[in-house]
Amino acid sequence: MTAITTSRSTSTRAVAYWVATGLLAAELIVGGVWDILRIPLVRDVVIHLGYPTYLLVILGTWKLLDGAAILAPGYPVLKEWAYAGSFFVFSGAMVSHLTTGKDLQELGVLAVALALVVASWALRPPSRRVRGTTGRSVSGP
């Protein structure tokens, strides 16, 4: 691979990372505010799925914190937790919709949000990763 090809590949990866991360952060921050405010759109969905509306304040707070952690420089361990939390929020929402059979049209939006979580996490530059992680499984004692 030539230096130009490597540079172009790195540049493309960086652009893809920031696009995915920007969209994810926007979803988390806007969604978090909507949840905390319990706007009718999200409140009706939560009620329809059978959850109490106070859950929106909890989820909204977590989403805001996740969005801030993912965007903030440094704190790679905190970022790992934020990505995990976002993954659980969006995959859990998908399972809720699937198991109740309600609002199945929401699955597409949730699948895109989940894909953004995975893409942003996978495309992170080394400076935003926990040091010493290789992505390979480690066999323990």
N, C-alpha and C. Protein backbone atom coordinates (compact mmCIF):
# COMPACT_ATOMS: atom_id res chain seq x y z
N MET A 1 0.84 -1.16 0.00
CA MET A 1 0.00 0.00 0.00
C MET A 1 0.90 1.24 0.00
N THR A 2 0.58 2.18 -0.80
CA THR A 2 1.39 3.40 -0.86
C THR A 2 0.96 4.37 0.23
N ALA A 3 1.79 5.37 0.45
CA ALA A 3 1.48 6.37 1.47
C ALA A 3 0.21 7.14 1.12
N ILE A 4 -0.01 7.39 -0.17
CA ILE A 4 -1.21 8.11 -0.59
C ILE A 4 -2.45 7.28 -0.32
N THR A 5 -2.39 5.99 -0.62
CA THR A 5 -3.53 5.11 -0.39
C THR A 5 -3.82 5.00 1.10
N THR A 6 -2.77 4.86 1.91
CA THR A 6 -2.95 4.77 3.35
C THR A 6 -3.54 6.06 3.90
N SER A 7 -3.06 7.19 3.42
CA SER A 7 -3.57 8.48 3.87
C SER A 7 -5.03 8.65 3.48
N ARG A 8 -5.38 8.25 2.27
CA ARG A 8 -6.76 8.37 1.80
C ARG A 8 -7.67 7.45 2.62
N SER A 9 -7.19 6.23 2.90
CA SER A 9 -7.96 5.29 3.69
C SER A 9 -8.20 5.82 5.11
N THR A 10 -7.16 6.38 5.71
CA THR A 10 -7.27 6.95 7.05
C THR A 10 -8.23 8.14 7.04
N SER A 11 -8.15 8.96 6.01
CA SER A 11 -9.02 10.12 5.90
C SER A 11 -10.48 9.70 5.73
N THR A 12 -10.72 8.71 4.90
CA THR A 12 -12.08 8.20 4.68
C THR A 12 -12.64 7.63 5.97
N ARG A 13 -11.82 6.89 6.69
CA ARG A 13 -12.25 6.30 7.97
C ARG A 13 -12.59 7.40 8.97
N ALA A 14 -11.78 8.45 9.01
CA ALA A 14 -12.02 9.56 9.94
C ALA A 14 -13.33 10.27 9.60
N VAL A 15 -13.58 10.49 8.33
CA VAL A 15 -14.83 11.14 7.91
C VAL A 15 -16.02 10.25 8.28
N ALA A 16 -15.92 8.96 8.00
CA ALA A 16 -17.01 8.03 8.33
C ALA A 16 -17.26 8.01 9.84
N TYR A 17 -16.18 8.02 10.61
CA TYR A 17 -16.30 8.04 12.08
C TYR A 17 -17.06 9.29 12.53
N TRP A 18 -16.64 10.46 12.04
CA TRP A 18 -17.26 11.69 12.52
C TRP A 18 -18.69 11.86 12.03
N VAL A 19 -19.01 11.34 10.84
CA VAL A 19 -20.40 11.39 10.38
C VAL A 19 -21.27 10.51 11.28
N ALA A 20 -20.83 9.26 11.51
CA ALA A 20 -21.59 8.35 12.37
C ALA A 20 -21.70 8.90 13.78
N THR A 21 -20.59 9.42 14.31
CA THR A 21 -20.58 9.93 15.67
C THR A 21 -21.43 11.19 15.80
N GLY A 22 -21.37 12.07 14.82
CA GLY A 22 -22.19 13.28 14.86
C GLY A 22 -23.68 12.97 14.82
N LEU A 23 -24.06 12.05 13.94
CA LEU A 23 -25.47 11.66 13.86
C LEU A 23 -25.92 10.96 15.13
N LEU A 24 -25.06 10.08 15.67
CA LEU A 24 -25.39 9.39 16.91
C LEU A 24 -25.55 10.38 18.06
N ALA A 25 -24.60 11.29 18.19
CA ALA A 25 -24.66 12.28 19.27
C ALA A 25 -25.91 13.15 19.14
N ALA A 26 -26.25 13.54 17.92
CA ALA A 26 -27.47 14.33 17.70
C ALA A 26 -28.70 13.55 18.14
N GLU A 27 -28.77 12.27 17.76
CA GLU A 27 -29.89 11.43 18.16
C GLU A 27 -29.96 11.31 19.69
N LEU A 28 -28.82 11.08 20.32
CA LEU A 28 -28.80 10.93 21.78
C LEU A 28 -29.19 12.22 22.48
N ILE A 29 -28.66 13.33 22.03
CA ILE A 29 -28.92 14.61 22.71
C ILE A 29 -30.35 15.08 22.47
N VAL A 30 -30.79 15.07 21.22
CA VAL A 30 -32.17 15.49 20.93
C VAL A 30 -33.16 14.51 21.56
N GLY A 31 -32.89 13.21 21.40
CA GLY A 31 -33.76 12.20 22.00
C GLY A 31 -33.80 12.31 23.51
N GLY A 32 -32.65 12.59 24.11
CA GLY A 32 -32.59 12.75 25.57
C GLY A 32 -33.43 13.93 26.05
N VAL A 33 -33.33 15.04 25.35
CA VAL A 33 -34.13 16.22 25.71
C VAL A 33 -35.62 15.90 25.54
N TRP A 34 -35.97 15.26 24.43
CA TRP A 34 -37.38 14.90 24.21
C TRP A 34 -37.88 13.97 25.31
N ASP A 35 -37.04 13.00 25.70
CA ASP A 35 -37.44 12.07 26.76
C ASP A 35 -37.65 12.81 28.08
N ILE A 36 -36.69 13.66 28.46
CA ILE A 36 -36.79 14.38 29.73
C ILE A 36 -38.03 15.28 29.75
N LEU A 37 -38.31 15.93 28.62
CA LEU A 37 -39.49 16.79 28.52
C LEU A 37 -40.78 15.98 28.37
N ARG A 38 -40.64 14.70 28.09
CA ARG A 38 -41.78 13.80 27.88
C ARG A 38 -42.76 14.37 26.85
N ILE A 39 -42.19 14.73 25.70
CA ILE A 39 -43.05 15.28 24.65
C ILE A 39 -44.06 14.21 24.24
N PRO A 40 -45.22 14.61 23.74
CA PRO A 40 -46.28 13.65 23.43
C PRO A 40 -45.83 12.50 22.52
N LEU A 41 -44.99 12.78 21.55
CA LEU A 41 -44.54 11.73 20.62
C LEU A 41 -43.90 10.56 21.37
N VAL A 42 -42.95 10.83 22.23
CA VAL A 42 -42.28 9.74 22.94
C VAL A 42 -43.11 9.22 24.11
N ARG A 43 -43.83 10.10 24.77
CA ARG A 43 -44.68 9.67 25.88
C ARG A 43 -45.73 8.67 25.41
N ASP A 44 -46.35 8.95 24.26
CA ASP A 44 -47.37 8.05 23.74
C ASP A 44 -46.80 6.68 23.39
N VAL A 45 -45.59 6.65 22.84
CA VAL A 45 -44.96 5.37 22.49
C VAL A 45 -44.68 4.57 23.76
N VAL A 46 -44.14 5.22 24.78
CA VAL A 46 -43.80 4.54 26.02
C VAL A 46 -45.06 3.99 26.69
N ILE A 47 -46.11 4.77 26.72
CA ILE A 47 -47.38 4.31 27.29
C ILE A 47 -47.93 3.15 26.47
N HIS A 48 -47.87 3.27 25.16
CA HIS A 48 -48.35 2.22 24.26
C HIS A 48 -47.60 0.90 24.49
N LEU A 49 -46.32 1.00 24.81
CA LEU A 49 -45.51 -0.20 25.07
C LEU A 49 -45.70 -0.74 26.48
N GLY A 50 -46.39 0.02 27.33
CA GLY A 50 -46.69 -0.45 28.68
C GLY A 50 -45.69 -0.04 29.75
N TYR A 51 -44.85 0.93 29.46
CA TYR A 51 -43.86 1.39 30.45
C TYR A 51 -44.37 2.64 31.15
N PRO A 52 -43.91 2.87 32.39
CA PRO A 52 -44.29 4.11 33.08
C PRO A 52 -43.56 5.31 32.47
N THR A 53 -44.20 6.46 32.47
CA THR A 53 -43.60 7.63 31.82
C THR A 53 -42.39 8.18 32.56
N TYR A 54 -42.24 7.87 33.85
CA TYR A 54 -41.04 8.36 34.55
C TYR A 54 -39.77 7.71 34.00
N LEU A 55 -39.91 6.58 33.33
CA LEU A 55 -38.76 5.93 32.70
C LEU A 55 -38.12 6.84 31.67
N LEU A 56 -38.92 7.70 31.05
CA LEU A 56 -38.38 8.63 30.05
C LEU A 56 -37.35 9.58 30.65
N VAL A 57 -37.56 10.03 31.86
CA VAL A 57 -36.61 10.94 32.50
C VAL A 57 -35.29 10.22 32.74
N ILE A 58 -35.36 8.97 33.17
CA ILE A 58 -34.14 8.18 33.41
C ILE A 58 -33.40 7.95 32.10
N LEU A 59 -34.12 7.46 31.09
CA LEU A 59 -33.49 7.20 29.79
C LEU A 59 -32.96 8.48 29.16
N GLY A 60 -33.73 9.56 29.27
CA GLY A 60 -33.30 10.83 28.70
C GLY A 60 -32.02 11.34 29.32
N THR A 61 -31.91 11.20 30.62
CA THR A 61 -30.69 11.62 31.32
C THR A 61 -29.50 10.79 30.84
N TRP A 62 -29.69 9.49 30.73
CA TRP A 62 -28.60 8.62 30.26
C TRP A 62 -28.21 8.97 28.83
N LYS A 63 -29.20 9.25 27.99
CA LYS A 63 -28.89 9.60 26.59
C LYS A 63 -28.07 10.89 26.52
N LEU A 64 -28.45 11.90 27.30
CA LEU A 64 -27.68 13.15 27.31
C LEU A 64 -26.24 12.91 27.77
N LEU A 65 -26.08 12.12 28.81
CA LEU A 65 -24.74 11.81 29.31
C LEU A 65 -23.94 11.01 28.28
N ASP A 66 -24.61 10.06 27.62
CA ASP A 66 -23.93 9.26 26.57
C ASP A 66 -23.47 10.16 25.43
N GLY A 67 -24.34 11.05 24.97
CA GLY A 67 -23.98 11.94 23.87
C GLY A 67 -22.79 12.82 24.22
N ALA A 68 -22.78 13.34 25.44
CA ALA A 68 -21.67 14.18 25.89
C ALA A 68 -20.38 13.37 25.99
N ALA A 69 -20.46 12.16 26.53
CA ALA A 69 -19.27 11.33 26.69
C ALA A 69 -18.68 10.93 25.35
N ILE A 70 -19.52 10.61 24.40
CA ILE A 70 -19.04 10.18 23.09
C ILE A 70 -18.35 11.32 22.35
N LEU A 71 -18.83 12.54 22.54
CA LEU A 71 -18.23 13.69 21.86
C LEU A 71 -17.01 14.26 22.58
N ALA A 72 -16.95 14.12 23.88
CA ALA A 72 -15.87 14.74 24.65
C ALA A 72 -14.51 14.12 24.32
N PRO A 73 -13.48 14.95 24.27
CA PRO A 73 -12.14 14.40 24.07
C PRO A 73 -11.68 13.67 25.34
N GLY A 74 -10.87 12.63 25.14
CA GLY A 74 -10.36 11.88 26.28
C GLY A 74 -11.40 10.93 26.85
N TYR A 75 -11.16 10.46 28.05
CA TYR A 75 -12.07 9.57 28.78
C TYR A 75 -12.47 8.32 27.99
N PRO A 76 -11.51 7.54 27.49
CA PRO A 76 -11.86 6.39 26.66
C PRO A 76 -12.69 5.33 27.38
N VAL A 77 -12.47 5.12 28.67
CA VAL A 77 -13.27 4.13 29.40
C VAL A 77 -14.72 4.61 29.51
N LEU A 78 -14.90 5.90 29.78
CA LEU A 78 -16.24 6.46 29.84
C LEU A 78 -16.95 6.31 28.49
N LYS A 79 -16.22 6.49 27.41
CA LYS A 79 -16.79 6.31 26.07
C LYS A 79 -17.27 4.87 25.87
N GLU A 80 -16.47 3.90 26.33
CA GLU A 80 -16.87 2.50 26.21
C GLU A 80 -18.21 2.27 26.92
N TRP A 81 -18.34 2.81 28.11
CA TRP A 81 -19.59 2.68 28.85
C TRP A 81 -20.74 3.38 28.13
N ALA A 82 -20.47 4.53 27.55
CA ALA A 82 -21.50 5.27 26.82
C ALA A 82 -21.97 4.49 25.60
N TYR A 83 -21.01 3.91 24.87
CA TYR A 83 -21.40 3.09 23.71
C TYR A 83 -22.22 1.89 24.17
N ALA A 84 -21.79 1.23 25.25
CA ALA A 84 -22.54 0.08 25.75
C ALA A 84 -23.95 0.49 26.17
N GLY A 85 -24.06 1.60 26.89
CA GLY A 85 -25.37 2.07 27.31
C GLY A 85 -26.28 2.39 26.13
N SER A 86 -25.72 3.04 25.13
CA SER A 86 -26.50 3.36 23.92
C SER A 86 -26.94 2.09 23.21
N PHE A 87 -26.04 1.12 23.15
CA PHE A 87 -26.39 -0.16 22.52
C PHE A 87 -27.55 -0.80 23.26
N PHE A 88 -27.50 -0.81 24.59
CA PHE A 88 -28.57 -1.42 25.38
C PHE A 88 -29.88 -0.65 25.23
N VAL A 89 -29.82 0.66 25.20
CA VAL A 89 -31.04 1.47 25.06
C VAL A 89 -31.73 1.17 23.73
N PHE A 90 -30.97 1.23 22.63
CA PHE A 90 -31.59 1.04 21.31
C PHE A 90 -31.97 -0.41 21.04
N SER A 91 -31.14 -1.37 21.45
CA SER A 91 -31.51 -2.78 21.24
C SER A 91 -32.67 -3.16 22.14
N GLY A 92 -32.70 -2.62 23.36
CA GLY A 92 -33.82 -2.88 24.26
C GLY A 92 -35.13 -2.31 23.72
N ALA A 93 -35.05 -1.14 23.12
CA ALA A 93 -36.25 -0.55 22.50
C ALA A 93 -36.73 -1.43 21.35
N MET A 94 -35.78 -1.96 20.57
CA MET A 94 -36.18 -2.84 19.47
C MET A 94 -36.88 -4.09 20.00
N VAL A 95 -36.34 -4.68 21.04
CA VAL A 95 -36.95 -5.88 21.63
C VAL A 95 -38.34 -5.55 22.17
N SER A 96 -38.49 -4.39 22.82
CA SER A 96 -39.80 -3.99 23.33
C SER A 96 -40.83 -3.90 22.22
N HIS A 97 -40.44 -3.30 21.10
CA HIS A 97 -41.37 -3.18 19.97
C HIS A 97 -41.68 -4.55 19.38
N LEU A 98 -40.67 -5.40 19.27
CA LEU A 98 -40.89 -6.73 18.69
C LEU A 98 -41.76 -7.61 19.57
N THR A 99 -41.51 -7.61 20.87
CA THR A 99 -42.26 -8.50 21.75
C THR A 99 -43.69 -8.07 21.97
N THR A 100 -43.96 -6.77 21.88
CA THR A 100 -45.33 -6.31 22.05
C THR A 100 -46.09 -6.30 20.73
N GLY A 101 -45.36 -6.30 19.63
CA GLY A 101 -46.00 -6.22 18.32
C GLY A 101 -46.58 -4.85 18.03
N LYS A 102 -46.22 -3.87 18.84
CA LYS A 102 -46.75 -2.52 18.69
C LYS A 102 -45.71 -1.61 18.06
N ASP A 103 -46.16 -0.67 17.27
CA ASP A 103 -45.27 0.33 16.66
C ASP A 103 -44.10 -0.30 15.92
N LEU A 104 -44.36 -1.32 15.13
CA LEU A 104 -43.27 -2.00 14.42
C LEU A 104 -42.60 -1.10 13.39
N GLN A 105 -43.28 -0.03 12.96
CA GLN A 105 -42.66 0.90 12.02
C GLN A 105 -41.47 1.62 12.66
N GLU A 106 -41.40 1.64 13.97
CA GLU A 106 -40.28 2.27 14.68
C GLU A 106 -39.00 1.44 14.57
N LEU A 107 -39.11 0.18 14.18
CA LEU A 107 -37.93 -0.68 14.12
C LEU A 107 -36.86 -0.16 13.18
N GLY A 108 -37.27 0.42 12.06
CA GLY A 108 -36.29 0.96 11.11
C GLY A 108 -35.47 2.08 11.70
N VAL A 109 -36.13 2.99 12.40
CA VAL A 109 -35.43 4.11 13.04
C VAL A 109 -34.48 3.59 14.11
N LEU A 110 -34.96 2.64 14.90
CA LEU A 110 -34.11 2.07 15.96
C LEU A 110 -32.94 1.29 15.38
N ALA A 111 -33.16 0.59 14.26
CA ALA A 111 -32.07 -0.14 13.61
C ALA A 111 -30.99 0.81 13.11
N VAL A 112 -31.40 1.95 12.57
CA VAL A 112 -30.43 2.96 12.11
C VAL A 112 -29.65 3.50 13.31
N ALA A 113 -30.33 3.80 14.40
CA ALA A 113 -29.65 4.31 15.60
C ALA A 113 -28.66 3.27 16.12
N LEU A 114 -29.06 2.02 16.14
CA LEU A 114 -28.17 0.95 16.60
C LEU A 114 -26.97 0.80 15.66
N ALA A 115 -27.20 0.92 14.37
CA ALA A 115 -26.11 0.85 13.39
C ALA A 115 -25.14 2.02 13.59
N LEU A 116 -25.64 3.19 13.94
CA LEU A 116 -24.76 4.34 14.21
C LEU A 116 -23.90 4.09 15.45
N VAL A 117 -24.48 3.45 16.47
CA VAL A 117 -23.70 3.11 17.67
C VAL A 117 -22.54 2.20 17.29
N VAL A 118 -22.86 1.14 16.55
CA VAL A 118 -21.83 0.16 16.16
C VAL A 118 -20.79 0.79 15.25
N ALA A 119 -21.23 1.58 14.27
CA ALA A 119 -20.29 2.21 13.33
C ALA A 119 -19.37 3.19 14.06
N SER A 120 -19.92 4.03 14.90
CA SER A 120 -19.11 5.00 15.63
C SER A 120 -18.10 4.28 16.52
N TRP A 121 -18.54 3.25 17.21
CA TRP A 121 -17.65 2.48 18.09
C TRP A 121 -16.54 1.80 17.28
N ALA A 122 -16.90 1.16 16.18
CA ALA A 122 -15.92 0.40 15.39
C ALA A 122 -14.93 1.30 14.66
N LEU A 123 -15.34 2.49 14.28
CA LEU A 123 -14.48 3.39 13.50
C LEU A 123 -13.66 4.35 14.36
N ARG A 124 -13.77 4.25 15.67
CA ARG A 124 -13.03 5.18 16.55
C ARG A 124 -11.55 5.17 16.23
N PRO A 125 -10.93 6.34 16.22
CA PRO A 125 -9.47 6.40 16.05
C PRO A 125 -8.79 5.90 17.33
N PRO A 126 -7.54 5.49 17.23
CA PRO A 126 -6.82 4.98 18.40
C PRO A 126 -6.83 5.93 19.60
N SER A 127 -6.85 7.22 19.36
CA SER A 127 -6.85 8.19 20.46
C SER A 127 -8.14 8.16 21.28
N ARG A 128 -9.18 7.54 20.75
CA ARG A 128 -10.46 7.49 21.46
C ARG A 128 -10.77 6.09 21.97
N ARG A 129 -9.77 5.21 21.94
CA ARG A 129 -9.94 3.85 22.42
C ARG A 129 -9.22 3.66 23.75
N VAL A 130 -9.64 2.63 24.48
CA VAL A 130 -8.96 2.28 25.72
C VAL A 130 -7.60 1.70 25.35
N ARG A 131 -6.56 2.20 25.97
CA ARG A 131 -5.21 1.72 25.64
C ARG A 131 -5.06 0.26 26.02
N GLY A 132 -4.32 -0.45 25.19
CA GLY A 132 -4.04 -1.85 25.47
C GLY A 132 -5.07 -2.80 24.91
N THR A 133 -6.15 -2.28 24.34
CA THR A 133 -7.14 -3.17 23.75
C THR A 133 -6.76 -3.44 22.31
N THR A 134 -6.90 -4.68 21.91
CA THR A 134 -6.52 -5.06 20.56
C THR A 134 -7.72 -5.48 19.74
N GLY A 135 -8.84 -5.66 20.40
CA GLY A 135 -10.00 -6.14 19.68
C GLY A 135 -10.05 -7.65 19.63
N ARG A 136 -9.00 -8.29 20.13
CA ARG A 136 -8.97 -9.75 20.17
C ARG A 136 -9.41 -10.23 21.54
N SER A 137 -9.98 -11.41 21.58
CA SER A 137 -10.39 -11.94 22.87
C SER A 137 -9.16 -12.33 23.68
N VAL A 138 -9.29 -12.17 24.96
CA VAL A 138 -8.19 -12.50 25.86
C VAL A 138 -8.64 -13.64 26.74
N SER A 139 -7.84 -14.70 26.78
CA SER A 139 -8.21 -15.83 27.63
C SER A 139 -7.71 -15.55 29.04
N GLY A 140 -8.59 -15.66 29.97
CA GLY A 140 -8.25 -15.37 31.37
C GLY A 140 -7.87 -16.61 32.13
N PRO A 141 -7.41 -16.42 33.37
CA PRO A 141 -7.02 -17.57 34.21
C PRO A 141 -8.22 -18.38 34.64
